[in-house]
Amino acid sequence: MRLYDKHILPNLVHFACSLQSVMHQRQKIVPLARGRVLEVGLGSGLNFPYYDASKVSKVWGLDPSPEMLEMAGERASSVSFEVDFIPLPGEEIPLETNSADTVLVTYTLCTIADVGRAIQEMARVLKPDGELLFCEHGIAPEVSVRRWQNCINPVWKRIGGGCHLNREIPVLIEQGGFKIREMQANYIPGWRPASYNYWGTAILKASS
């Protein structure tokens, strides 16, 4: 599996996450980022072109995969703001409490092993007046699609780097200490079990 994880999976993830329908979703949410941004699950840096450089002063890019961070490093060379790479998983965010103006997660919550802990860490490092921006795929509303998601999920996790097809994204975000302020949900073009998307913004519950 190490050979697969090191040489094959990063390219598969980059390909899937750079599909036109997925990139269109990124374009909806990434430009909202402001100030000092923590991007959890930086991956290959596909969000870099969509940041509004006039609003962003720094991006911490957190990802546990050195192969993905190497890809991201090539894209980071073209941005005008400061980028710091953090080679750690989402459950281990080495930033001070209340240090980020924005936390950004795009197609990341599906893969984090202890996703509840990771979201709590995002809440910890976010400033009281900060904002969580999210764009994720997850559980679908139709019973028939959910059945397929639940059936395929055990195998999908093994070949997809831990990706879950059936996570309840809004529930996880609110359980982690956030209040969803705005959210849209719909299918995007693609394989139906993996194409139901949730995107929007959330704030800390204490700030509501």
C-alpha atoms as a PDB file:
ATOM      1  CA  MET A   1       0.000   0.000   0.000  1.00  0.00           C
ATOM      2  CA  ARG A   2       2.928   2.338   0.613  1.00  0.00           C
ATOM      3  CA  LEU A   3       3.779   2.295  -3.102  1.00  0.00           C
ATOM      4  CA  TYR A   4       0.145   3.042  -3.935  1.00  0.00           C
ATOM      5  CA  ASP A   5      -0.119   5.811  -1.329  1.00  0.00           C
ATOM      6  CA  LYS A   6       3.113   7.475  -2.437  1.00  0.00           C
ATOM      7  CA  HIS A   7       3.054   7.219  -6.220  1.00  0.00           C
ATOM      8  CA  ILE A   8      -0.493   6.495  -7.399  1.00  0.00           C
ATOM      9  CA  LEU A   9      -2.954   7.961  -4.893  1.00  0.00           C
ATOM     10  CA  PRO A  10      -1.639  11.568  -5.000  1.00  0.00           C
ATOM     11  CA  ASN A  11      -2.127  11.675  -8.758  1.00  0.00           C
ATOM     12  CA  LEU A  12      -5.583  10.120  -8.540  1.00  0.00           C
ATOM     13  CA  VAL A  13      -6.619  12.637  -5.879  1.00  0.00           C
ATOM     14  CA  HIS A  14      -5.241  15.531  -7.893  1.00  0.00           C
ATOM     15  CA  PHE A  15      -7.113  14.342 -10.994  1.00  0.00           C
ATOM     16  CA  ALA A  16     -10.439  13.899  -9.176  1.00  0.00           C
ATOM     17  CA  CYS A  17     -10.123  17.204  -7.335  1.00  0.00           C
ATOM     18  CA  SER A  18      -9.272  19.143 -10.485  1.00  0.00           C
ATOM     19  CA  LEU A  19     -12.309  18.102 -12.525  1.00  0.00           C
ATOM     20  CA  GLN A  20     -14.108  21.082 -14.048  1.00  0.00           C
ATOM     21  CA  SER A  21     -17.224  20.630 -11.898  1.00  0.00           C
ATOM     22  CA  VAL A  22     -15.125  20.562  -8.723  1.00  0.00           C
ATOM     23  CA  MET A  23     -13.040  23.563  -9.731  1.00  0.00           C
ATOM     24  CA  HIS A  24     -16.260  25.473 -10.375  1.00  0.00           C
ATOM     25  CA  GLN A  25     -17.257  24.774  -6.776  1.00  0.00           C
ATOM     26  CA  ARG A  26     -13.914  26.043  -5.483  1.00  0.00           C
ATOM     27  CA  GLN A  27     -14.450  29.275  -7.382  1.00  0.00           C
ATOM     28  CA  LYS A  28     -17.654  29.887  -5.424  1.00  0.00           C
ATOM     29  CA  ILE A  29     -16.118  29.703  -1.952  1.00  0.00           C
ATOM     30  CA  VAL A  30     -12.342  30.355  -1.978  1.00  0.00           C
ATOM     31  CA  PRO A  31     -12.534  34.078  -2.944  1.00  0.00           C
ATOM     32  CA  LEU A  32     -14.405  34.734   0.323  1.00  0.00           C
ATOM     33  CA  ALA A  33     -11.261  34.017   2.345  1.00  0.00           C
ATOM     34  CA  ARG A  34      -9.657  36.986   4.090  1.00  0.00           C
ATOM     35  CA  GLY A  35      -6.731  37.867   6.334  1.00  0.00           C
ATOM     36  CA  ARG A  36      -4.664  35.017   7.725  1.00  0.00           C
ATOM     37  CA  VAL A  37      -6.086  31.806   6.288  1.00  0.00           C
ATOM     38  CA  LEU A  38      -5.693  28.243   7.470  1.00  0.00           C
ATOM     39  CA  GLU A  39      -6.439  25.850   4.635  1.00  0.00           C
ATOM     40  CA  VAL A  40      -6.960  22.366   6.067  1.00  0.00           C
ATOM     41  CA  GLY A  41      -6.283  19.741   3.429  1.00  0.00           C
ATOM     42  CA  LEU A  42      -4.231  21.858   1.060  1.00  0.00           C
ATOM     43  CA  GLY A  43      -3.727  18.935  -1.293  1.00  0.00           C
ATOM     44  CA  SER A  44      -1.985  19.896  -4.522  1.00  0.00           C
ATOM     45  CA  GLY A  45      -2.776  23.594  -4.107  1.00  0.00           C
ATOM     46  CA  LEU A  46      -5.751  23.728  -6.454  1.00  0.00           C
ATOM     47  CA  ASN A  47      -7.337  26.591  -4.481  1.00  0.00           C
ATOM     48  CA  PHE A  48      -4.436  28.999  -4.972  1.00  0.00           C
ATOM     49  CA  PRO A  49      -5.748  30.573  -8.212  1.00  0.00           C
ATOM     50  CA  TYR A  50      -9.057  31.454  -6.533  1.00  0.00           C
ATOM     51  CA  TYR A  51      -7.759  33.375  -3.523  1.00  0.00           C
ATOM     52  CA  ASP A  52      -8.344  37.121  -3.672  1.00  0.00           C
ATOM     53  CA  ALA A  53      -4.799  38.354  -3.082  1.00  0.00           C
ATOM     54  CA  SER A  54      -6.107  41.808  -2.137  1.00  0.00           C
ATOM     55  CA  LYS A  55      -7.863  40.296   0.901  1.00  0.00           C
ATOM     56  CA  VAL A  56      -5.413  37.567   1.955  1.00  0.00           C
ATOM     57  CA  SER A  57      -2.154  38.241   3.779  1.00  0.00           C
ATOM     58  CA  LYS A  58      -1.035  34.683   4.550  1.00  0.00           C
ATOM     59  CA  VAL A  59      -2.074  31.070   3.996  1.00  0.00           C
ATOM     60  CA  TRP A  60      -1.098  28.193   6.229  1.00  0.00           C
ATOM     61  CA  GLY A  61      -1.446  25.080   4.072  1.00  0.00           C
ATOM     62  CA  LEU A  62      -1.917  21.973   6.190  1.00  0.00           C
ATOM     63  CA  ASP A  63      -1.751  18.494   4.664  1.00  0.00           C
ATOM     64  CA  PRO A  64      -0.267  15.184   5.885  1.00  0.00           C
ATOM     65  CA  SER A  65       0.942  14.083   2.435  1.00  0.00           C
ATOM     66  CA  PRO A  66       4.461  15.194   1.459  1.00  0.00           C
ATOM     67  CA  GLU A  67       3.696  14.252  -2.130  1.00  0.00           C
ATOM     68  CA  MET A  68       0.675  16.550  -2.248  1.00  0.00           C
ATOM     69  CA  LEU A  69       2.579  19.379  -0.578  1.00  0.00           C
ATOM     70  CA  GLU A  70       5.314  19.039  -3.174  1.00  0.00           C
ATOM     71  CA  MET A  71       2.697  19.587  -5.891  1.00  0.00           C
ATOM     72  CA  ALA A  72       1.276  22.527  -3.952  1.00  0.00           C
ATOM     73  CA  GLY A  73       4.714  24.095  -3.655  1.00  0.00           C
ATOM     74  CA  GLU A  74       4.924  24.456  -7.422  1.00  0.00           C
ATOM     75  CA  ARG A  75       1.599  26.325  -7.504  1.00  0.00           C
ATOM     76  CA  ALA A  76       2.461  28.487  -4.504  1.00  0.00           C
ATOM     77  CA  SER A  77       5.350  30.041  -6.407  1.00  0.00           C
ATOM     78  CA  SER A  78       2.891  32.077  -8.474  1.00  0.00           C
ATOM     79  CA  VAL A  79       0.947  33.721  -5.618  1.00  0.00           C
ATOM     80  CA  SER A  80       1.694  37.105  -4.092  1.00  0.00           C
ATOM     81  CA  PHE A  81       0.832  36.286  -0.476  1.00  0.00           C
ATOM     82  CA  GLU A  82       2.892  34.357   2.059  1.00  0.00           C
ATOM     83  CA  VAL A  83       2.396  30.588   2.198  1.00  0.00           C
ATOM     84  CA  ASP A  84       3.583  28.310   4.998  1.00  0.00           C
ATOM     85  CA  PHE A  85       3.293  24.555   4.545  1.00  0.00           C
ATOM     86  CA  ILE A  86       2.412  22.387   7.550  1.00  0.00           C
ATOM     87  CA  PRO A  87       2.949  18.629   6.990  1.00  0.00           C
ATOM     88  CA  LEU A  88       0.397  17.438   9.543  1.00  0.00           C
ATOM     89  CA  PRO A  89      -3.135  15.975   9.557  1.00  0.00           C
ATOM     90  CA  GLY A  90      -6.240  17.997  10.392  1.00  0.00           C
ATOM     91  CA  GLU A  91      -6.354  16.666  13.944  1.00  0.00           C
ATOM     92  CA  GLU A  92      -2.977  18.313  14.651  1.00  0.00           C
ATOM     93  CA  ILE A  93      -3.083  22.036  13.947  1.00  0.00           C
ATOM     94  CA  PRO A  94       0.047  23.656  15.457  1.00  0.00           C
ATOM     95  CA  LEU A  95      -1.333  27.202  15.496  1.00  0.00           C
ATOM     96  CA  GLU A  96      -2.128  29.360  18.490  1.00  0.00           C
ATOM     97  CA  THR A  97      -5.714  29.762  19.628  1.00  0.00           C
ATOM     98  CA  ASN A  98      -7.565  32.590  17.839  1.00  0.00           C
ATOM     99  CA  SER A  99      -4.835  32.991  15.220  1.00  0.00           C
ATOM    100  CA  ALA A 100      -6.713  32.598  11.898  1.00  0.00           C
ATOM    101  CA  ASP A 101      -9.214  34.984  10.326  1.00  0.00           C
ATOM    102  CA  THR A 102     -10.484  32.275   7.985  1.00  0.00           C
ATOM    103  CA  VAL A 103     -10.434  28.485   7.991  1.00  0.00           C
ATOM    104  CA  LEU A 104     -10.977  26.920   4.572  1.00  0.00           C
ATOM    105  CA  VAL A 105     -11.844  23.282   3.908  1.00  0.00           C
ATOM    106  CA  THR A 106     -12.571  22.004   0.398  1.00  0.00           C
ATOM    107  CA  TYR A 107     -13.073  18.288  -0.230  1.00  0.00           C
ATOM    108  CA  THR A 108     -11.186  17.485   2.957  1.00  0.00           C
ATOM    109  CA  LEU A 109     -13.648  16.531   5.709  1.00  0.00           C
ATOM    110  CA  CYS A 110     -14.359  13.288   3.867  1.00  0.00           C
ATOM    111  CA  THR A 111     -10.826  11.965   4.449  1.00  0.00           C
ATOM    112  CA  ILE A 112      -9.857  13.033   7.993  1.00  0.00           C
ATOM    113  CA  ALA A 113      -9.830  10.017  10.317  1.00  0.00           C
ATOM    114  CA  ASP A 114     -11.000  11.821  13.467  1.00  0.00           C
ATOM    115  CA  VAL A 115     -13.062  14.476  11.735  1.00  0.00           C
ATOM    116  CA  GLY A 116     -14.786  15.619  14.933  1.00  0.00           C
ATOM    117  CA  ARG A 117     -11.491  16.419  16.614  1.00  0.00           C
ATOM    118  CA  ALA A 118     -10.234  18.169  13.491  1.00  0.00           C
ATOM    119  CA  ILE A 119     -13.260  20.481  13.321  1.00  0.00           C
ATOM    120  CA  GLN A 120     -12.851  21.294  17.016  1.00  0.00           C
ATOM    121  CA  GLU A 121      -9.240  22.230  16.280  1.00  0.00           C
ATOM    122  CA  MET A 122     -10.421  24.495  13.461  1.00  0.00           C
ATOM    123  CA  ALA A 123     -12.783  26.189  15.914  1.00  0.00           C
ATOM    124  CA  ARG A 124      -9.945  26.621  18.401  1.00  0.00           C
ATOM    125  CA  VAL A 125      -7.591  28.415  16.009  1.00  0.00           C
ATOM    126  CA  LEU A 126     -10.287  30.610  14.440  1.00  0.00           C
ATOM    127  CA  LYS A 127     -10.671  34.142  15.780  1.00  0.00           C
ATOM    128  CA  PRO A 128     -14.000  34.954  17.493  1.00  0.00           C
ATOM    129  CA  ASP A 129     -15.034  37.077  14.499  1.00  0.00           C
ATOM    130  CA  GLY A 130     -13.575  34.653  11.973  1.00  0.00           C
ATOM    131  CA  GLU A 131     -15.304  32.463   9.432  1.00  0.00           C
ATOM    132  CA  LEU A 132     -15.208  28.848   8.329  1.00  0.00           C
ATOM    133  CA  LEU A 133     -15.580  28.381   4.573  1.00  0.00           C
ATOM    134  CA  PHE A 134     -16.457  24.896   3.403  1.00  0.00           C
ATOM    135  CA  CYS A 135     -17.154  23.015   0.188  1.00  0.00           C
ATOM    136  CA  GLU A 136     -17.493  19.264   0.629  1.00  0.00           C
ATOM    137  CA  HIS A 137     -19.193  16.205  -0.794  1.00  0.00           C
ATOM    138  CA  GLY A 138     -21.251  14.025   1.509  1.00  0.00           C
ATOM    139  CA  ILE A 139     -24.404  12.106   2.233  1.00  0.00           C
ATOM    140  CA  ALA A 140     -27.132  12.502  -0.381  1.00  0.00           C
ATOM    141  CA  PRO A 141     -30.803  13.190   0.395  1.00  0.00           C
ATOM    142  CA  GLU A 142     -32.271  10.326  -1.651  1.00  0.00           C
ATOM    143  CA  VAL A 143     -32.586   6.943   0.023  1.00  0.00           C
ATOM    144  CA  SER A 144     -31.475   5.127  -3.127  1.00  0.00           C
ATOM    145  CA  VAL A 145     -28.247   7.118  -3.432  1.00  0.00           C
ATOM    146  CA  ARG A 146     -27.566   6.811   0.310  1.00  0.00           C
ATOM    147  CA  ARG A 147     -27.902   3.051  -0.015  1.00  0.00           C
ATOM    148  CA  TRP A 148     -25.200   3.017  -2.677  1.00  0.00           C
ATOM    149  CA  GLN A 149     -22.995   5.355  -0.654  1.00  0.00           C
ATOM    150  CA  ASN A 150     -23.212   3.148   2.418  1.00  0.00           C
ATOM    151  CA  CYS A 151     -22.658  -0.011   0.396  1.00  0.00           C
ATOM    152  CA  ILE A 152     -19.642   1.241  -1.549  1.00  0.00           C
ATOM    153  CA  ASN A 153     -18.045   3.216   1.285  1.00  0.00           C
ATOM    154  CA  PRO A 154     -15.895   0.440   2.877  1.00  0.00           C
ATOM    155  CA  VAL A 155     -14.141  -0.305  -0.427  1.00  0.00           C
ATOM    156  CA  TRP A 156     -14.058   3.341  -1.491  1.00  0.00           C
ATOM    157  CA  LYS A 157     -12.185   4.299   1.681  1.00  0.00           C
ATOM    158  CA  ARG A 158      -9.437   1.803   0.917  1.00  0.00           C
ATOM    159  CA  ILE A 159      -8.793   2.985  -2.623  1.00  0.00           C
ATOM    160  CA  GLY A 160      -9.579   6.665  -2.019  1.00  0.00           C
ATOM    161  CA  GLY A 161      -7.122   7.509   0.739  1.00  0.00           C
ATOM    162  CA  GLY A 162      -9.704   7.304   3.519  1.00  0.00           C
ATOM    163  CA  CYS A 163     -12.400   9.227   1.640  1.00  0.00           C
ATOM    164  CA  HIS A 164     -15.916   8.667   3.011  1.00  0.00           C
ATOM    165  CA  LEU A 165     -18.870   8.980   0.657  1.00  0.00           C
ATOM    166  CA  ASN A 166     -21.519   9.240   3.370  1.00  0.00           C
ATOM    167  CA  ARG A 167     -20.481  11.810   5.956  1.00  0.00           C
ATOM    168  CA  GLU A 168     -23.157  14.224   7.182  1.00  0.00           C
ATOM    169  CA  ILE A 169     -21.208  17.405   6.594  1.00  0.00           C
ATOM    170  CA  PRO A 170     -23.587  19.998   8.165  1.00  0.00           C
ATOM    171  CA  VAL A 171     -24.031  17.853  11.289  1.00  0.00           C
ATOM    172  CA  LEU A 172     -20.281  17.396  11.703  1.00  0.00           C
ATOM    173  CA  ILE A 173     -19.603  21.119  11.326  1.00  0.00           C
ATOM    174  CA  GLU A 174     -22.177  22.094  13.940  1.00  0.00           C
ATOM    175  CA  GLN A 175     -21.089  19.346  16.339  1.00  0.00           C
ATOM    176  CA  GLY A 176     -17.553  20.718  16.089  1.00  0.00           C
ATOM    177  CA  GLY A 177     -18.495  24.104  17.549  1.00  0.00           C
ATOM    178  CA  PHE A 178     -19.775  26.066  14.567  1.00  0.00           C
ATOM    179  CA  LYS A 179     -23.087  27.555  13.523  1.00  0.00           C
ATOM    180  CA  ILE A 180     -23.754  27.383   9.799  1.00  0.00           C
ATOM    181  CA  ARG A 181     -24.639  30.851   8.566  1.00  0.00           C
ATOM    182  CA  GLU A 182     -25.245  30.155   4.887  1.00  0.00           C
ATOM    183  CA  MET A 183     -25.276  26.865   3.014  1.00  0.00           C
ATOM    184  CA  GLN A 184     -26.308  25.458  -0.335  1.00  0.00           C
ATOM    185  CA  ALA A 185     -26.485  21.793  -1.275  1.00  0.00           C
ATOM    186  CA  ASN A 186     -26.970  20.100  -4.613  1.00  0.00           C
ATOM    187  CA  TYR A 187     -25.570  17.553  -7.025  1.00  0.00           C
ATOM    188  CA  ILE A 188     -22.744  18.625  -9.283  1.00  0.00           C
ATOM    189  CA  PRO A 189     -21.896  16.808 -12.521  1.00  0.00           C
ATOM    190  CA  GLY A 190     -20.208  13.508 -11.860  1.00  0.00           C
ATOM    191  CA  TRP A 191     -20.628  10.075 -10.317  1.00  0.00           C
ATOM    192  CA  ARG A 192     -23.777  10.398  -8.221  1.00  0.00           C
ATOM    193  CA  PRO A 193     -22.578   8.731  -4.968  1.00  0.00           C
ATOM    194  CA  ALA A 194     -19.703  11.245  -4.786  1.00  0.00           C
ATOM    195  CA  SER A 195     -21.331  14.324  -6.291  1.00  0.00           C
ATOM    196  CA  TYR A 196     -23.737  15.652  -3.664  1.00  0.00           C
ATOM    197  CA  ASN A 197     -22.053  18.868  -2.498  1.00  0.00           C
ATOM    198  CA  TYR A 198     -22.486  21.137   0.500  1.00  0.00           C
ATOM    199  CA  TRP A 199     -20.933  24.607   0.427  1.00  0.00           C
ATOM    200  CA  GLY A 200     -21.242  27.707   2.560  1.00  0.00           C
ATOM    201  CA  THR A 201     -19.993  29.618   5.589  1.00  0.00           C
ATOM    202  CA  ALA A 202     -20.075  29.091   9.335  1.00  0.00           C
ATOM    203  CA  ILE A 203     -19.129  31.042  12.453  1.00  0.00           C
ATOM    204  CA  LEU A 204     -18.225  30.012  15.946  1.00  0.00           C
ATOM    205  CA  LYS A 205     -21.251  29.257  18.105  1.00  0.00           C
ATOM    206  CA  ALA A 206     -19.935  31.584  20.789  1.00  0.00           C
ATOM    207  CA  SER A 207     -20.000  34.406  18.221  1.00  0.00           C
ATOM    208  CA  SER A 208     -23.625  33.871  17.231  1.00  0.00           C
END
